[in-house]
């Protein structure tokens, strides 16, 4: 006779499967519609040819950029959710305080990312107008969006693998974060190299911009997250 029954918890992964299929479909359609551009985009880490060809700020609002921006948000939201899940594991019991199948938390993370990126972009526009560096900031933003999207697409298949596997080592998200930071630093190097003549002429404003809008927001976000989890 059974003395004690334990409820079987079924995790709903259908919403995640649908989103993964949708994002991969968007990438496939973008690749099909912009075959040459996507080919150059895929070589971004090995060559700055894409950055030189598509440096016009009109490309910031193109369907290529907008479509992959959607992929970027979904990919980063999944990665953040998975990272929180992995690091929420209790070493004694093996239980997780945060479930990777929590679609409500996923929506909250995706919404926060969307508003954070858009709000940061609008603030940058205001600051650029104040410093009279509008054109440079549009070009610089295009570079950032391009490399940020590239990272998002790179980690998208990794997210899919991590989502459907259990007992993932904490080293994996740390390695991904490290590689992503290296690519981001490389993107800044490329941007500075590409627009060095403009930057030299407005060096003070560029340094002020980096401190106020590139370093400070991420520092305060890190402080807020670590303070909240302490």
Protein backbone atom coordinates (compact mmCIF):
# COMPACT_ATOMS: atom_id res chain seq x y z
CA UNK A 1 0.00 0.00 0.00
CA UNK A 2 1.25 3.49 -0.84
CA UNK A 3 1.82 5.47 2.37
CA UNK A 4 2.59 8.80 0.78
CA UNK A 5 1.88 10.25 -2.63
CA UNK A 6 4.02 12.98 -4.15
CA UNK A 7 2.40 15.25 -6.74
CA UNK A 8 4.05 15.10 -10.12
CA UNK A 9 4.90 18.61 -11.29
CA UNK A 10 4.53 19.03 -15.04
CA UNK A 11 6.38 22.00 -16.48
CA UNK A 12 4.73 23.71 -19.42
CA UNK A 13 7.38 24.30 -22.09
CA UNK A 14 5.00 24.87 -25.00
CA UNK A 15 5.29 28.67 -24.82
CA UNK A 16 9.10 28.46 -24.99
CA UNK A 17 9.00 26.02 -27.92
CA UNK A 18 6.69 28.39 -29.79
CA UNK A 19 8.99 31.34 -29.16
CA UNK A 20 12.08 29.42 -30.23
CA UNK A 21 10.37 28.33 -33.46
CA UNK A 22 9.18 31.91 -34.08
CA UNK A 23 12.59 33.49 -33.51
CA UNK A 24 14.39 30.93 -35.68
CA UNK A 25 11.74 31.56 -38.36
CA UNK A 26 12.41 35.33 -38.20
CA UNK A 27 16.15 34.70 -38.59
CA UNK A 28 15.50 32.38 -41.56
CA UNK A 29 13.16 34.88 -43.25
CA UNK A 30 15.62 37.73 -42.69
CA UNK A 31 18.42 35.63 -44.16
CA UNK A 32 16.26 34.82 -47.19
CA UNK A 33 15.16 38.44 -47.74
CA UNK A 34 18.62 39.95 -47.20
CA UNK A 35 20.90 37.15 -48.34
CA UNK A 36 23.97 39.26 -49.16
CA UNK A 37 23.63 41.50 -46.12
CA UNK A 38 23.04 38.58 -43.76
CA UNK A 39 26.10 36.83 -45.20
CA UNK A 40 28.28 39.84 -44.34
CA UNK A 41 26.54 40.15 -40.98
CA UNK A 42 27.39 36.55 -40.08
CA UNK A 43 31.11 37.36 -40.56
CA UNK A 44 30.95 40.35 -38.21
CA UNK A 45 33.28 38.91 -35.59
CA UNK A 46 35.94 38.12 -38.19
CA UNK A 47 35.66 41.21 -40.39
CA UNK A 48 34.53 44.84 -40.08
CA UNK A 49 33.35 44.89 -43.71
CA UNK A 50 29.69 44.84 -42.65
CA UNK A 51 30.23 47.80 -40.32
CA UNK A 52 31.84 49.77 -43.12
CA UNK A 53 29.21 48.95 -45.77
CA UNK A 54 26.11 49.44 -43.62
CA UNK A 55 27.20 52.49 -41.65
CA UNK A 56 24.40 54.76 -42.88
CA UNK A 57 22.07 55.62 -39.98
CA UNK A 58 19.06 54.85 -42.21
CA UNK A 59 19.86 51.18 -41.64
CA UNK A 60 18.96 51.62 -37.96
CA UNK A 61 15.25 51.62 -38.86
CA UNK A 62 15.35 49.05 -41.67
CA UNK A 63 13.26 45.86 -41.53
CA UNK A 64 16.52 43.90 -41.25
CA UNK A 65 17.44 45.67 -38.01
CA UNK A 66 13.90 45.74 -36.60
CA UNK A 67 13.28 42.03 -37.28
CA UNK A 68 16.52 40.96 -35.66
CA UNK A 69 15.87 43.38 -32.77
CA UNK A 70 12.87 41.21 -31.89
CA UNK A 71 15.12 38.12 -31.97
CA UNK A 72 17.64 39.94 -29.80
CA UNK A 73 15.08 40.73 -27.06
CA UNK A 74 13.77 37.15 -26.97
CA UNK A 75 17.28 35.68 -26.94
CA UNK A 76 18.56 37.90 -24.12
CA UNK A 77 15.39 37.36 -22.08
CA UNK A 78 15.82 33.59 -22.35
CA UNK A 79 19.47 33.81 -21.38
CA UNK A 80 18.74 35.97 -18.32
CA UNK A 81 15.93 33.62 -17.24
CA UNK A 82 18.13 30.55 -17.68
CA UNK A 83 21.02 32.19 -15.81
CA UNK A 84 18.73 33.13 -12.90
CA UNK A 85 17.40 29.56 -12.92
CA UNK A 86 20.85 27.96 -12.87
CA UNK A 87 22.16 30.17 -10.08
CA UNK A 88 19.00 29.77 -7.97
CA UNK A 89 19.68 26.10 -7.32
CA UNK A 90 19.96 25.13 -3.69
CA UNK A 91 23.24 23.17 -3.34
CA UNK A 92 21.80 21.07 -0.50
CA UNK A 93 18.41 20.08 -1.86
CA UNK A 94 19.06 20.57 -5.58
CA UNK A 95 15.77 22.49 -5.87
CA UNK A 96 15.50 25.67 -7.94
CA UNK A 97 14.04 28.87 -6.50
CA UNK A 98 13.43 30.20 -10.03
CA UNK A 99 11.91 27.98 -12.71
CA UNK A 100 13.08 28.31 -16.30
CA UNK A 101 9.51 27.53 -17.40
CA UNK A 102 8.12 30.57 -15.59
CA UNK A 103 6.62 32.40 -18.57
CA UNK A 104 5.41 35.30 -16.42
CA UNK A 105 8.97 36.02 -15.29
CA UNK A 106 10.11 35.69 -18.90
CA UNK A 107 7.58 38.32 -20.01
CA UNK A 108 8.73 40.61 -17.19
CA UNK A 109 12.38 40.24 -18.22
CA UNK A 110 11.60 40.79 -21.93
CA UNK A 111 9.49 43.85 -21.12
CA UNK A 112 12.21 45.28 -18.90
CA UNK A 113 14.82 44.76 -21.62
CA UNK A 114 12.61 46.39 -24.24
CA UNK A 115 11.89 49.46 -22.12
CA UNK A 116 15.50 49.69 -20.92
CA UNK A 117 16.93 49.68 -24.45
CA UNK A 118 14.33 52.09 -25.84
CA UNK A 119 14.59 54.46 -22.86
CA UNK A 120 18.38 54.43 -23.11
CA UNK A 121 18.16 55.18 -26.82
CA UNK A 122 15.82 58.15 -26.25
CA UNK A 123 18.06 59.55 -23.51
CA UNK A 124 21.05 59.20 -25.82
CA UNK A 125 19.14 61.13 -28.51
CA UNK A 126 18.46 63.95 -26.05
CA UNK A 127 22.07 64.06 -24.87
CA UNK A 128 23.35 63.93 -28.46
CA UNK A 129 21.10 66.87 -29.41
CA UNK A 130 22.37 68.82 -26.38
CA UNK A 131 26.00 68.18 -27.34
CA UNK A 132 25.32 68.69 -31.06
CA UNK A 133 26.62 65.22 -31.98
CA UNK A 134 23.38 63.79 -33.40
CA UNK A 135 24.85 62.29 -36.55
CA UNK A 136 27.73 60.62 -34.74
CA UNK A 137 25.43 59.16 -32.09
CA UNK A 138 23.14 57.67 -34.74
CA UNK A 139 26.12 55.95 -36.36
CA UNK A 140 27.50 54.84 -33.00
CA UNK A 141 24.09 53.45 -32.01
CA UNK A 142 23.89 51.52 -35.26
CA UNK A 143 27.23 49.90 -34.47
CA UNK A 144 26.09 48.95 -30.96
CA UNK A 145 22.78 47.56 -32.17
CA UNK A 146 24.56 45.53 -34.84
CA UNK A 147 26.97 43.82 -32.43
CA UNK A 148 24.33 43.41 -29.72
CA UNK A 149 22.07 41.69 -32.25
CA UNK A 150 24.98 39.51 -33.38
CA UNK A 151 25.52 38.32 -29.80
CA UNK A 152 21.79 37.68 -29.40
CA UNK A 153 21.69 35.46 -32.49
CA UNK A 154 24.84 33.60 -31.41
CA UNK A 155 23.39 32.65 -28.02
CA UNK A 156 19.91 31.84 -29.36
CA UNK A 157 20.66 28.17 -30.23
CA UNK A 158 22.60 27.86 -26.96
CA UNK A 159 19.50 29.06 -25.11
CA UNK A 160 17.43 26.39 -26.85
CA UNK A 161 19.86 23.66 -25.77
CA UNK A 162 20.12 24.93 -22.19
CA UNK A 163 16.36 25.25 -21.86
CA UNK A 164 15.68 21.58 -22.63
CA UNK A 165 18.54 20.21 -20.53
CA UNK A 166 18.69 19.97 -16.75
CA UNK A 167 21.59 20.21 -14.30
CA UNK A 168 23.55 22.76 -16.31
CA UNK A 169 26.89 23.81 -14.82
CA UNK A 170 27.15 27.39 -13.56
CA UNK A 171 30.32 27.75 -15.59
CA UNK A 172 28.43 27.76 -18.90
CA UNK A 173 26.52 31.05 -18.44
CA UNK A 174 29.65 32.67 -17.01
CA UNK A 175 31.64 31.65 -20.11
CA UNK A 176 28.88 33.00 -22.37
CA UNK A 177 28.83 36.29 -20.47
CA UNK A 178 32.62 36.52 -20.75
CA UNK A 179 32.59 35.93 -24.51
CA UNK A 180 29.73 38.41 -24.94
CA UNK A 181 31.69 41.08 -23.02
CA UNK A 182 34.73 40.46 -25.22
CA UNK A 183 32.62 40.91 -28.37
CA UNK A 184 31.09 44.09 -26.91
CA UNK A 185 34.54 45.52 -26.14
CA UNK A 186 35.63 44.59 -29.67
CA UNK A 187 32.61 46.48 -31.04
CA UNK A 188 33.66 49.60 -29.12
CA UNK A 189 37.17 49.27 -30.51
CA UNK A 190 35.79 49.02 -34.06
CA UNK A 191 33.49 52.02 -33.49
CA UNK A 192 36.31 54.16 -32.11
CA UNK A 193 38.57 53.11 -34.99
CA UNK A 194 35.87 53.84 -37.59
CA UNK A 195 34.86 57.23 -36.20
CA UNK A 196 38.17 58.31 -34.68
CA UNK A 197 38.25 61.61 -36.59
CA UNK A 198 34.85 62.61 -35.24
CA UNK A 199 35.68 61.39 -31.73
CA UNK A 200 38.93 63.37 -31.55
CA UNK A 201 37.04 66.54 -32.42
CA UNK A 202 34.50 65.91 -29.67
CA UNK A 203 36.62 63.88 -27.23
CA UNK A 204 35.24 65.48 -24.06
CA UNK A 205 31.63 64.81 -25.04
CA UNK A 206 32.46 61.25 -26.07
CA UNK A 207 34.10 60.47 -22.70
CA UNK A 208 31.16 62.06 -20.90
CA UNK A 209 28.77 59.98 -22.99
CA UNK A 210 30.63 56.73 -22.21
CA UNK A 211 30.60 57.42 -18.47
CA UNK A 212 27.01 58.64 -18.24
CA UNK A 213 25.20 56.40 -20.73
CA UNK A 214 27.37 53.34 -21.32
CA UNK A 215 28.99 52.55 -17.98
CA UNK A 216 26.66 54.05 -15.35
CA UNK A 217 23.36 52.33 -16.40
CA UNK A 218 24.91 48.86 -16.39
CA UNK A 219 26.73 49.52 -13.12
CA UNK A 220 23.52 50.59 -11.38
CA UNK A 221 21.67 47.61 -12.87
CA UNK A 222 24.36 45.26 -11.55
CA UNK A 223 24.24 46.98 -8.14
CA UNK A 224 20.43 46.74 -8.05
CA UNK A 225 20.43 43.02 -8.94
CA UNK A 226 23.20 42.08 -6.49
CA UNK A 227 21.69 44.23 -3.74
CA UNK A 228 18.27 42.71 -4.27
CA UNK A 229 19.59 39.13 -4.17
CA UNK A 230 21.71 39.72 -1.06
